[in-house]
């Protein structure tokens, strides 16, 4: 799994219990191209405290170029930003 700690754009939906469910995200690569990744399955959601900020960590499964990949995206609760 490649580690990239950059802000990302995420499409998600929220259920009646305020659980966030990510659907897909867009990341800008180093060559300034955008790449959209569809999330096929959320495997696990964990809580984490990073630099004093409460985060939700989503471990997800996606298929990229016919290959199943795992990815991890984070949601910062205080600023409502995705990383």
PDB file of N, CA and C in Angstrom:
ATOM      1  N   UNK A   1       0.852  -1.169   0.000  1.00  0.00           N
ATOM      2  CA  UNK A   1       0.000   0.000   0.000  1.00  0.00           C
ATOM      3  C   UNK A   1       0.901   1.236   0.000  1.00  0.00           C
ATOM      4  N   UNK A   2       0.671   2.130  -0.940  1.00  0.00           N
ATOM      5  CA  UNK A   2       1.425   3.365  -1.040  1.00  0.00           C
ATOM      6  C   UNK A   2       0.876   4.370  -0.033  1.00  0.00           C
ATOM      7  N   UNK A   3       1.759   5.054   0.683  1.00  0.00           N
ATOM      8  CA  UNK A   3       1.324   6.027   1.685  1.00  0.00           C
ATOM      9  C   UNK A   3       1.408   7.418   1.086  1.00  0.00           C
ATOM     10  N   UNK A   4       0.257   8.077   1.020  1.00  0.00           N
ATOM     11  CA  UNK A   4       0.162   9.433   0.502  1.00  0.00           C
ATOM     12  C   UNK A   4      -0.702  10.216   1.479  1.00  0.00           C
ATOM     13  N   UNK A   5      -0.118  11.186   2.150  1.00  0.00           N
ATOM     14  CA  UNK A   5      -0.871  11.970   3.136  1.00  0.00           C
ATOM     15  C   UNK A   5      -1.239  13.322   2.522  1.00  0.00           C
ATOM     16  N   UNK A   6      -2.163  13.284   1.561  1.00  0.00           N
ATOM     17  CA  UNK A   6      -2.622  14.502   0.893  1.00  0.00           C
ATOM     18  C   UNK A   6      -4.130  14.607   1.047  1.00  0.00           C
ATOM     19  N   UNK A   7      -4.647  15.832   1.046  1.00  0.00           N
ATOM     20  CA  UNK A   7      -6.113  15.977   1.063  1.00  0.00           C
ATOM     21  C   UNK A   7      -6.721  15.359  -0.197  1.00  0.00           C
ATOM     22  N   UNK A   8      -7.881  14.741  -0.034  1.00  0.00           N
ATOM     23  CA  UNK A   8      -8.581  14.125  -1.158  1.00  0.00           C
ATOM     24  C   UNK A   8     -10.030  14.586  -1.162  1.00  0.00           C
ATOM     25  N   UNK A   9     -10.667  14.464  -2.310  1.00  0.00           N
ATOM     26  CA  UNK A   9     -12.098  14.734  -2.432  1.00  0.00           C
ATOM     27  C   UNK A   9     -12.821  13.402  -2.359  1.00  0.00           C
ATOM     28  N   UNK A  10     -13.878  13.344  -1.534  1.00  0.00           N
ATOM     29  CA  UNK A  10     -14.590  12.087  -1.314  1.00  0.00           C
ATOM     30  C   UNK A  10     -16.078  12.292  -1.541  1.00  0.00           C
ATOM     31  N   UNK A  11     -16.702  11.348  -2.230  1.00  0.00           N
ATOM     32  CA  UNK A  11     -18.157  11.282  -2.334  1.00  0.00           C
ATOM     33  C   UNK A  11     -18.594  10.239  -1.314  1.00  0.00           C
ATOM     34  N   UNK A  12     -19.502  10.633  -0.429  1.00  0.00           N
ATOM     35  CA  UNK A  12     -19.959   9.710   0.615  1.00  0.00           C
ATOM     36  C   UNK A  12     -21.431   9.949   0.903  1.00  0.00           C
ATOM     37  N   UNK A  13     -22.014   9.029   1.646  1.00  0.00           N
ATOM     38  CA  UNK A  13     -23.378   9.210   2.118  1.00  0.00           C
ATOM     39  C   UNK A  13     -23.395   8.916   3.610  1.00  0.00           C
ATOM     40  N   UNK A  14     -24.377   9.502   4.291  1.00  0.00           N
ATOM     41  CA  UNK A  14     -24.495   9.370   5.738  1.00  0.00           C
ATOM     42  C   UNK A  14     -25.839   8.753   6.068  1.00  0.00           C
ATOM     43  N   UNK A  15     -25.837   7.763   6.953  1.00  0.00           N
ATOM     44  CA  UNK A  15     -27.099   7.136   7.339  1.00  0.00           C
ATOM     45  C   UNK A  15     -27.742   7.896   8.502  1.00  0.00           C
ATOM     46  N   UNK A  16     -28.872   7.407   8.981  1.00  0.00           N
ATOM     47  CA  UNK A  16     -29.620   8.119  10.021  1.00  0.00           C
ATOM     48  C   UNK A  16     -28.895   8.129  11.366  1.00  0.00           C
ATOM     49  N   UNK A  17     -27.901   7.265  11.541  1.00  0.00           N
ATOM     50  CA  UNK A  17     -27.111   7.243  12.780  1.00  0.00           C
ATOM     51  C   UNK A  17     -25.810   8.036  12.634  1.00  0.00           C
ATOM     52  N   UNK A  18     -25.691   8.839  11.580  1.00  0.00           N
ATOM     53  CA  UNK A  18     -24.545   9.704  11.296  1.00  0.00           C
ATOM     54  C   UNK A  18     -23.271   8.920  10.983  1.00  0.00           C
ATOM     55  N   UNK A  19     -23.420   7.707  10.488  1.00  0.00           N
ATOM     56  CA  UNK A  19     -22.267   6.936  10.027  1.00  0.00           C
ATOM     57  C   UNK A  19     -21.948   7.341   8.592  1.00  0.00           C
ATOM     58  N   UNK A  20     -20.702   7.674   8.345  1.00  0.00           N
ATOM     59  CA  UNK A  20     -20.270   8.107   7.018  1.00  0.00           C
ATOM     60  C   UNK A  20     -19.839   6.884   6.217  1.00  0.00           C
ATOM     61  N   UNK A  21     -20.319   6.803   4.973  1.00  0.00           N
ATOM     62  CA  UNK A  21     -20.013   5.685   4.084  1.00  0.00           C
ATOM     63  C   UNK A  21     -19.399   6.226   2.791  1.00  0.00           C
ATOM     64  N   UNK A  22     -18.077   6.147   2.641  1.00  0.00           N
ATOM     65  CA  UNK A  22     -17.455   6.651   1.414  1.00  0.00           C
ATOM     66  C   UNK A  22     -17.793   5.775   0.211  1.00  0.00           C
ATOM     67  N   UNK A  23     -17.976   6.424  -0.947  1.00  0.00           N
ATOM     68  CA  UNK A  23     -18.324   5.734  -2.188  1.00  0.00           C
ATOM     69  C   UNK A  23     -17.138   5.735  -3.160  1.00  0.00           C
ATOM     70  N   UNK A  24     -16.510   6.895  -3.342  1.00  0.00           N
ATOM     71  CA  UNK A  24     -15.344   7.015  -4.209  1.00  0.00           C
ATOM     72  C   UNK A  24     -14.560   8.257  -3.794  1.00  0.00           C
ATOM     73  N   UNK A  25     -13.307   8.307  -4.219  1.00  0.00           N
ATOM     74  CA  UNK A  25     -12.495   9.477  -3.916  1.00  0.00           C
ATOM     75  C   UNK A  25     -11.619   9.834  -5.101  1.00  0.00           C
ATOM     76  N   UNK A  26     -11.218  11.105  -5.129  1.00  0.00           N
ATOM     77  CA  UNK A  26     -10.368  11.617  -6.203  1.00  0.00           C
ATOM     78  C   UNK A  26      -9.077  12.117  -5.581  1.00  0.00           C
ATOM     79  N   UNK A  27      -7.980  11.672  -6.139  1.00  0.00           N
ATOM     80  CA  UNK A  27      -6.669  12.082  -5.648  1.00  0.00           C
ATOM     81  C   UNK A  27      -5.883  12.673  -6.812  1.00  0.00           C
ATOM     82  N   UNK A  28      -5.128  13.740  -6.537  1.00  0.00           N
ATOM     83  CA  UNK A  28      -4.274  14.357  -7.546  1.00  0.00           C
ATOM     84  C   UNK A  28      -2.888  13.744  -7.424  1.00  0.00           C
ATOM     85  N   UNK A  29      -2.427  13.168  -8.511  1.00  0.00           N
ATOM     86  CA  UNK A  29      -1.114  12.519  -8.509  1.00  0.00           C
ATOM     87  C   UNK A  29      -0.014  13.559  -8.679  1.00  0.00           C
ATOM     88  N   UNK A  30       1.235  13.105  -8.558  1.00  0.00           N
ATOM     89  CA  UNK A  30       2.384  14.013  -8.624  1.00  0.00           C
ATOM     90  C   UNK A  30       2.498  14.734  -9.960  1.00  0.00           C
ATOM     91  N   UNK A  31       2.020  14.121 -11.037  1.00  0.00           N
ATOM     92  CA  UNK A  31       2.081  14.764 -12.352  1.00  0.00           C
ATOM     93  C   UNK A  31       0.834  15.602 -12.635  1.00  0.00           C
ATOM     94  N   UNK A  32       0.104  15.970 -11.575  1.00  0.00           N
ATOM     95  CA  UNK A  32      -1.080  16.843 -11.631  1.00  0.00           C
ATOM     96  C   UNK A  32      -2.289  16.203 -12.301  1.00  0.00           C
ATOM     97  N   UNK A  33      -2.259  14.891 -12.549  1.00  0.00           N
ATOM     98  CA  UNK A  33      -3.429  14.214 -13.093  1.00  0.00           C
ATOM     99  C   UNK A  33      -4.321  13.761 -11.952  1.00  0.00           C
ATOM    100  N   UNK A  34      -5.634  13.826 -12.187  1.00  0.00           N
ATOM    101  CA  UNK A  34      -6.590  13.349 -11.193  1.00  0.00           C
ATOM    102  C   UNK A  34      -6.918  11.888 -11.456  1.00  0.00           C
ATOM    103  N   UNK A  35      -7.065  11.147 -10.376  1.00  0.00           N
ATOM    104  CA  UNK A  35      -7.424   9.739 -10.471  1.00  0.00           C
ATOM    105  C   UNK A  35      -8.611   9.495  -9.546  1.00  0.00           C
ATOM    106  N   UNK A  36      -9.681   8.900 -10.085  1.00  0.00           N
ATOM    107  CA  UNK A  36     -10.872   8.594  -9.293  1.00  0.00           C
ATOM    108  C   UNK A  36     -10.837   7.112  -8.938  1.00  0.00           C
ATOM    109  N   UNK A  37     -11.000   6.827  -7.648  1.00  0.00           N
ATOM    110  CA  UNK A  37     -10.968   5.455  -7.148  1.00  0.00           C
ATOM    111  C   UNK A  37     -12.335   5.126  -6.564  1.00  0.00           C
ATOM    112  N   UNK A  38     -12.976   4.104  -7.116  1.00  0.00           N
ATOM    113  CA  UNK A  38     -14.278   3.653  -6.615  1.00  0.00           C
ATOM    114  C   UNK A  38     -14.044   2.678  -5.473  1.00  0.00           C
ATOM    115  N   UNK A  39     -14.738   2.887  -4.363  1.00  0.00           N
ATOM    116  CA  UNK A  39     -14.617   2.011  -3.203  1.00  0.00           C
ATOM    117  C   UNK A  39     -15.656   0.910  -3.341  1.00  0.00           C
ATOM    118  N   UNK A  40     -15.181  -0.318  -3.491  1.00  0.00           N
ATOM    119  CA  UNK A  40     -16.082  -1.453  -3.647  1.00  0.00           C
ATOM    120  C   UNK A  40     -16.617  -1.940  -2.309  1.00  0.00           C
ATOM    121  N   UNK A  41     -15.784  -1.858  -1.272  1.00  0.00           N
ATOM    122  CA  UNK A  41     -16.194  -2.382   0.030  1.00  0.00           C
ATOM    123  C   UNK A  41     -15.409  -1.688   1.133  1.00  0.00           C
ATOM    124  N   UNK A  42     -16.104  -1.278   2.196  1.00  0.00           N
ATOM    125  CA  UNK A  42     -15.435  -0.780   3.397  1.00  0.00           C
ATOM    126  C   UNK A  42     -15.234  -1.984   4.308  1.00  0.00           C
ATOM    127  N   UNK A  43     -13.996  -2.335   4.543  1.00  0.00           N
ATOM    128  CA  UNK A  43     -13.672  -3.514   5.337  1.00  0.00           C
ATOM    129  C   UNK A  43     -13.787  -3.229   6.827  1.00  0.00           C
ATOM    130  N   UNK A  44     -13.257  -2.095   7.240  1.00  0.00           N
ATOM    131  CA  UNK A  44     -13.230  -1.786   8.662  1.00  0.00           C
ATOM    132  C   UNK A  44     -13.179  -0.276   8.871  1.00  0.00           C
ATOM    133  N   UNK A  45     -13.803   0.202   9.958  1.00  0.00           N
ATOM    134  CA  UNK A  45     -13.733   1.605  10.353  1.00  0.00           C
ATOM    135  C   UNK A  45     -13.192   1.643  11.778  1.00  0.00           C
ATOM    136  N   UNK A  46     -12.091   2.360  11.963  1.00  0.00           N
ATOM    137  CA  UNK A  46     -11.467   2.487  13.279  1.00  0.00           C
ATOM    138  C   UNK A  46     -11.425   3.948  13.695  1.00  0.00           C
ATOM    139  N   UNK A  47     -11.288   4.157  15.000  1.00  0.00           N
ATOM    140  CA  UNK A  47     -11.082   5.501  15.538  1.00  0.00           C
ATOM    141  C   UNK A  47      -9.602   5.644  15.846  1.00  0.00           C
ATOM    142  N   UNK A  48      -9.072   6.837  15.583  1.00  0.00           N
ATOM    143  CA  UNK A  48      -7.653   7.090  15.797  1.00  0.00           C
ATOM    144  C   UNK A  48      -7.482   8.530  16.247  1.00  0.00           C
ATOM    145  N   UNK A  49      -6.464   8.777  17.047  1.00  0.00           N
ATOM    146  CA  UNK A  49      -6.133  10.138  17.440  1.00  0.00           C
ATOM    147  C   UNK A  49      -4.767  10.447  16.843  1.00  0.00           C
ATOM    148  N   UNK A  50      -4.716  11.408  15.932  1.00  0.00           N
ATOM    149  CA  UNK A  50      -3.486  11.765  15.238  1.00  0.00           C
ATOM    150  C   UNK A  50      -3.179  13.226  15.525  1.00  0.00           C
ATOM    151  N   UNK A  51      -2.070  13.497  16.184  1.00  0.00           N
ATOM    152  CA  UNK A  51      -1.659  14.854  16.563  1.00  0.00           C
ATOM    153  C   UNK A  51      -2.757  15.563  17.355  1.00  0.00           C
ATOM    154  N   UNK A  52      -3.453  14.824  18.199  1.00  0.00           N
ATOM    155  CA  UNK A  52      -4.506  15.395  19.031  1.00  0.00           C
ATOM    156  C   UNK A  52      -5.846  15.529  18.343  1.00  0.00           C
ATOM    157  N   UNK A  53      -5.943  15.133  17.079  1.00  0.00           N
ATOM    158  CA  UNK A  53      -7.193  15.243  16.322  1.00  0.00           C
ATOM    159  C   UNK A  53      -7.857  13.872  16.214  1.00  0.00           C
ATOM    160  N   UNK A  54      -9.141  13.827  16.500  1.00  0.00           N
ATOM    161  CA  UNK A  54      -9.897  12.582  16.362  1.00  0.00           C
ATOM    162  C   UNK A  54     -10.151  12.309  14.884  1.00  0.00           C
ATOM    163  N   UNK A  55      -9.855  11.075  14.474  1.00  0.00           N
ATOM    164  CA  UNK A  55     -10.004  10.678  13.076  1.00  0.00           C
ATOM    165  C   UNK A  55     -10.801   9.389  12.998  1.00  0.00           C
ATOM    166  N   UNK A  56     -11.473   9.198  11.873  1.00  0.00           N
ATOM    167  CA  UNK A  56     -12.061   7.915  11.513  1.00  0.00           C
ATOM    168  C   UNK A  56     -11.199   7.364  10.381  1.00  0.00           C
ATOM    169  N   UNK A  57     -10.748   6.142  10.530  1.00  0.00           N
ATOM    170  CA  UNK A  57      -9.886   5.505   9.536  1.00  0.00           C
ATOM    171  C   UNK A  57     -10.700   4.423   8.834  1.00  0.00           C
ATOM    172  N   UNK A  58     -10.840   4.552   7.515  1.00  0.00           N
ATOM    173  CA  UNK A  58     -11.612   3.615   6.700  1.00  0.00           C
ATOM    174  C   UNK A  58     -10.644   2.749   5.902  1.00  0.00           C
ATOM    175  N   UNK A  59     -10.641   1.451   6.177  1.00  0.00           N
ATOM    176  CA  UNK A  59      -9.858   0.509   5.375  1.00  0.00           C
ATOM    177  C   UNK A  59     -10.799  -0.020   4.306  1.00  0.00           C
ATOM    178  N   UNK A  60     -10.441   0.222   3.050  1.00  0.00           N
ATOM    179  CA  UNK A  60     -11.349  -0.045   1.935  1.00  0.00           C
ATOM    180  C   UNK A  60     -10.716  -0.983   0.918  1.00  0.00           C
ATOM    181  N   UNK A  61     -11.582  -1.586   0.121  1.00  0.00           N
ATOM    182  CA  UNK A  61     -11.164  -2.467  -0.968  1.00  0.00           C
ATOM    183  C   UNK A  61     -11.634  -1.852  -2.278  1.00  0.00           C
ATOM    184  N   UNK A  62     -10.733  -1.790  -3.250  1.00  0.00           N
ATOM    185  CA  UNK A  62     -11.044  -1.252  -4.571  1.00  0.00           C
ATOM    186  C   UNK A  62     -10.415  -2.137  -5.632  1.00  0.00           C
ATOM    187  N   UNK A  63     -10.935  -2.044  -6.848  1.00  0.00           N
ATOM    188  CA  UNK A  63     -10.341  -2.751  -7.979  1.00  0.00           C
ATOM    189  C   UNK A  63      -9.782  -1.696  -8.925  1.00  0.00           C
ATOM    190  N   UNK A  64      -8.453  -1.736  -9.128  1.00  0.00           N
ATOM    191  CA  UNK A  64      -7.776  -0.802 -10.022  1.00  0.00           C
ATOM    192  C   UNK A  64      -7.093  -1.595 -11.127  1.00  0.00           C
ATOM    193  N   UNK A  65      -7.466  -1.319 -12.357  1.00  0.00           N
ATOM    194  CA  UNK A  65      -6.895  -2.016 -13.523  1.00  0.00           C
ATOM    195  C   UNK A  65      -7.015  -3.530 -13.391  1.00  0.00           C
ATOM    196  N   UNK A  66      -8.152  -3.985 -12.866  1.00  0.00           N
ATOM    197  CA  UNK A  66      -8.405  -5.410 -12.739  1.00  0.00           C
ATOM    198  C   UNK A  66      -7.733  -6.083 -11.552  1.00  0.00           C
ATOM    199  N   UNK A  67      -7.054  -5.308 -10.713  1.00  0.00           N
ATOM    200  CA  UNK A  67      -6.347  -5.860  -9.556  1.00  0.00           C
ATOM    201  C   UNK A  67      -6.987  -5.324  -8.279  1.00  0.00           C
ATOM    202  N   UNK A  68      -7.290  -6.230  -7.350  1.00  0.00           N
ATOM    203  CA  UNK A  68      -7.881  -5.825  -6.076  1.00  0.00           C
ATOM    204  C   UNK A  68      -6.814  -5.166  -5.202  1.00  0.00           C
ATOM    205  N   UNK A  69      -7.119  -3.964  -4.699  1.00  0.00           N
ATOM    206  CA  UNK A  69      -6.179  -3.203  -3.872  1.00  0.00           C
ATOM    207  C   UNK A  69      -6.853  -2.812  -2.566  1.00  0.00           C
ATOM    208  N   UNK A  70      -6.057  -2.677  -1.523  1.00  0.00           N
ATOM    209  CA  UNK A  70      -6.530  -2.147  -0.253  1.00  0.00           C
ATOM    210  C   UNK A  70      -6.059  -0.709  -0.139  1.00  0.00           C
ATOM    211  N   UNK A  71      -6.915   0.142   0.404  1.00  0.00           N
ATOM    212  CA  UNK A  71      -6.529   1.526   0.629  1.00  0.00           C
ATOM    213  C   UNK A  71      -7.102   1.976   1.969  1.00  0.00           C
ATOM    214  N   UNK A  72      -6.503   3.009   2.503  1.00  0.00           N
ATOM    215  CA  UNK A  72      -6.927   3.532   3.788  1.00  0.00           C
ATOM    216  C   UNK A  72      -7.120   5.034   3.635  1.00  0.00           C
ATOM    217  N   UNK A  73      -8.315   5.508   3.944  1.00  0.00           N
ATOM    218  CA  UNK A  73      -8.578   6.942   3.912  1.00  0.00           C
ATOM    219  C   UNK A  73      -9.004   7.371   5.307  1.00  0.00           C
ATOM    220  N   UNK A  74      -8.709   8.632   5.630  1.00  0.00           N
ATOM    221  CA  UNK A  74      -8.986   9.133   6.976  1.00  0.00           C
ATOM    222  C   UNK A  74      -9.876  10.360   6.902  1.00  0.00           C
ATOM    223  N   UNK A  75     -10.781  10.455   7.881  1.00  0.00           N
ATOM    224  CA  UNK A  75     -11.688  11.594   7.989  1.00  0.00           C
ATOM    225  C   UNK A  75     -11.418  12.283   9.318  1.00  0.00           C
ATOM    226  N   UNK A  76     -11.023  13.553   9.266  1.00  0.00           N
ATOM    227  CA  UNK A  76     -10.760  14.323  10.481  1.00  0.00           C
ATOM    228  C   UNK A  76     -12.065  14.953  10.958  1.00  0.00           C
ATOM    229  N   UNK A  77     -12.490  14.588  12.162  1.00  0.00           N
ATOM    230  CA  UNK A  77     -13.794  15.005  12.670  1.00  0.00           C
ATOM    231  C   UNK A  77     -13.880  16.507  12.941  1.00  0.00           C
ATOM    232  N   UNK A  78     -12.822  17.129  13.452  1.00  0.00           N
ATOM    233  CA  UNK A  78     -12.894  18.545  13.823  1.00  0.00           C
ATOM    234  C   UNK A  78     -12.959  19.471  12.615  1.00  0.00           C
ATOM    235  N   UNK A  79     -12.258  19.128  11.526  1.00  0.00           N
ATOM    236  CA  UNK A  79     -12.233  20.000  10.348  1.00  0.00           C
ATOM    237  C   UNK A  79     -13.086  19.475   9.198  1.00  0.00           C
ATOM    238  N   UNK A  80     -13.619  18.252   9.334  1.00  0.00           N
ATOM    239  CA  UNK A  80     -14.424  17.611   8.282  1.00  0.00           C
ATOM    240  C   UNK A  80     -13.636  17.452   6.979  1.00  0.00           C
ATOM    241  N   UNK A  81     -12.349  17.134   7.084  1.00  0.00           N
ATOM    242  CA  UNK A  81     -11.495  16.954   5.909  1.00  0.00           C
ATOM    243  C   UNK A  81     -11.100  15.497   5.767  1.00  0.00           C
ATOM    244  N   UNK A  82     -10.957  15.086   4.511  1.00  0.00           N
ATOM    245  CA  UNK A  82     -10.505  13.733   4.180  1.00  0.00           C
ATOM    246  C   UNK A  82      -9.033  13.764   3.817  1.00  0.00           C
ATOM    247  N   UNK A  83      -8.305  12.738   4.248  1.00  0.00           N
ATOM    248  CA  UNK A  83      -6.878  12.602   3.931  1.00  0.00           C
ATOM    249  C   UNK A  83      -6.664  11.199   3.379  1.00  0.00           C
TER     250      UNK A  83
END
